[in-house]
Amino acid sequence: MKELHESTLRILAAIRAVPEGRVSSYRDIALAAGLPNGARQVARILHSMARGENLPWHRIIKADGRIALSEGNGREIQIGLLRSEGVRVSKAGVVDMGRYGIQRSL
């Protein structure tokens, strides 16, 4: 198995720290991992990780509350997983970050 870079390990730890029924943004995960400009790195890591990694990937969304995935690319799965945890997702695929979002103090 390939050894993961320290920054990747910090990102994975920050993602795992998002509790059930809550969401965080790519930006806040990057900040929690000590990478103030690392939102895209968070997205790349999530995209590259196998679904079997036991990551709560579905809890990571855009800073404005929108689901980042497009139709057919797992959007419906992400919305379903969030709703199963009690997170309200609008028909447009938006989560109220004030209610469900956690800040970078993960």
Protein backbone atom coordinates (compact mmCIF):
# COMPACT_ATOMS: atom_id res chain seq x y z
CA MET A 1 0.00 0.00 0.00
CA LYS A 2 1.27 3.45 -0.90
CA GLU A 3 2.23 5.66 2.04
CA LEU A 4 0.09 8.80 2.23
CA HIS A 5 1.55 12.29 2.50
CA GLU A 6 1.17 14.01 5.88
CA SER A 7 -1.17 16.67 4.46
CA THR A 8 -3.39 13.94 3.01
CA LEU A 9 -3.55 12.24 6.40
CA ARG A 10 -4.57 15.55 8.02
CA ILE A 11 -7.30 16.05 5.41
CA LEU A 12 -8.61 12.52 5.94
CA ALA A 13 -8.66 13.06 9.72
CA ALA A 14 -10.61 16.32 9.28
CA ILE A 15 -13.14 14.60 7.01
CA ARG A 16 -13.58 11.75 9.50
CA ALA A 17 -14.18 14.32 12.27
CA VAL A 18 -17.38 15.62 10.62
CA PRO A 19 -20.15 14.07 12.71
CA GLU A 20 -23.27 12.37 11.42
CA GLY A 21 -26.02 14.85 10.61
CA ARG A 22 -23.58 17.68 9.94
CA VAL A 23 -21.67 18.93 6.90
CA SER A 24 -18.47 20.83 6.26
CA SER A 25 -17.07 22.62 3.25
CA TYR A 26 -14.01 21.74 1.22
CA ARG A 27 -12.52 25.03 2.43
CA ASP A 28 -13.13 24.33 6.12
CA ILE A 29 -11.69 20.83 5.82
CA ALA A 30 -8.57 22.33 4.24
CA LEU A 31 -8.33 24.91 7.02
CA ALA A 32 -8.74 22.21 9.68
CA ALA A 33 -5.88 20.33 8.01
CA GLY A 34 -3.67 23.43 8.10
CA LEU A 35 -3.92 24.07 4.36
CA PRO A 36 -5.50 27.52 3.91
CA ASN A 37 -5.44 27.21 0.11
CA GLY A 38 -6.18 23.50 -0.02
CA ALA A 39 -9.89 23.26 -0.92
CA ARG A 40 -9.09 21.81 -4.34
CA GLN A 41 -6.69 19.34 -2.76
CA VAL A 42 -9.54 18.16 -0.51
CA ALA A 43 -11.74 17.67 -3.59
CA ARG A 44 -8.98 15.74 -5.39
CA ILE A 45 -8.42 13.47 -2.40
CA LEU A 46 -12.12 12.74 -2.05
CA HIS A 47 -12.38 12.03 -5.76
CA SER A 48 -9.40 9.66 -5.71
CA MET A 49 -10.34 7.70 -2.60
CA ALA A 50 -12.09 4.38 -3.03
CA ARG A 51 -15.60 4.19 -1.61
CA GLY A 52 -14.34 1.43 0.69
CA GLU A 53 -12.15 3.90 2.57
CA ASN A 54 -14.92 4.41 5.15
CA LEU A 55 -14.88 8.18 4.69
CA PRO A 56 -18.01 10.25 5.27
CA TRP A 57 -17.41 11.86 1.85
CA HIS A 58 -21.06 12.79 1.52
CA ARG A 59 -20.72 15.31 4.37
CA ILE A 60 -18.34 17.53 2.40
CA ILE A 61 -20.03 20.17 0.24
CA LYS A 62 -19.36 23.61 -1.19
CA ALA A 63 -18.98 26.56 1.19
CA ASP A 64 -22.28 28.03 -0.02
CA GLY A 65 -24.12 24.81 0.90
CA ARG A 66 -24.44 23.42 -2.62
CA ILE A 67 -23.77 19.79 -3.45
CA ALA A 68 -20.71 19.75 -5.71
CA LEU A 69 -21.51 16.56 -7.59
CA SER A 70 -23.49 16.71 -10.79
CA GLU A 71 -26.46 14.58 -11.83
CA GLY A 72 -25.34 11.03 -12.51
CA ASN A 73 -22.01 11.48 -10.71
CA GLY A 74 -23.23 10.47 -7.28
CA ARG A 75 -25.31 13.56 -6.52
CA GLU A 76 -28.42 11.51 -5.76
CA ILE A 77 -26.43 9.14 -3.54
CA GLN A 78 -24.91 12.06 -1.62
CA ILE A 79 -28.29 13.72 -1.12
CA GLY A 80 -29.81 10.41 0.00
CA LEU A 81 -27.01 9.79 2.51
CA LEU A 82 -27.31 13.30 3.94
CA ARG A 83 -31.07 13.01 4.25
CA SER A 84 -30.72 9.63 5.96
CA GLU A 85 -28.67 11.42 8.63
CA GLY A 86 -31.35 14.06 9.10
CA VAL A 87 -29.76 16.80 7.00
CA ARG A 88 -32.32 18.76 5.02
CA VAL A 89 -31.30 19.13 1.39
CA SER A 90 -33.43 21.34 -0.84
CA LYS A 91 -34.73 20.19 -4.22
CA ALA A 92 -31.95 22.32 -5.73
CA GLY A 93 -29.34 20.38 -3.75
CA VAL A 94 -28.56 23.03 -1.15
CA VAL A 95 -27.92 22.54 2.57
CA ASP A 96 -28.41 25.30 5.15
CA MET A 97 -24.82 25.77 6.34
CA GLY A 98 -25.99 27.87 9.30
CA ARG A 99 -27.99 24.93 10.61
CA TYR A 100 -25.96 21.89 9.54
CA GLY A 101 -22.48 23.21 8.84
CA ILE A 102 -19.57 22.93 11.22
CA GLN A 103 -16.69 25.35 11.15
CA ARG A 104 -13.00 24.70 10.82
CA SER A 105 -12.60 24.10 14.56
CA LEU A 106 -13.12 20.40 13.88
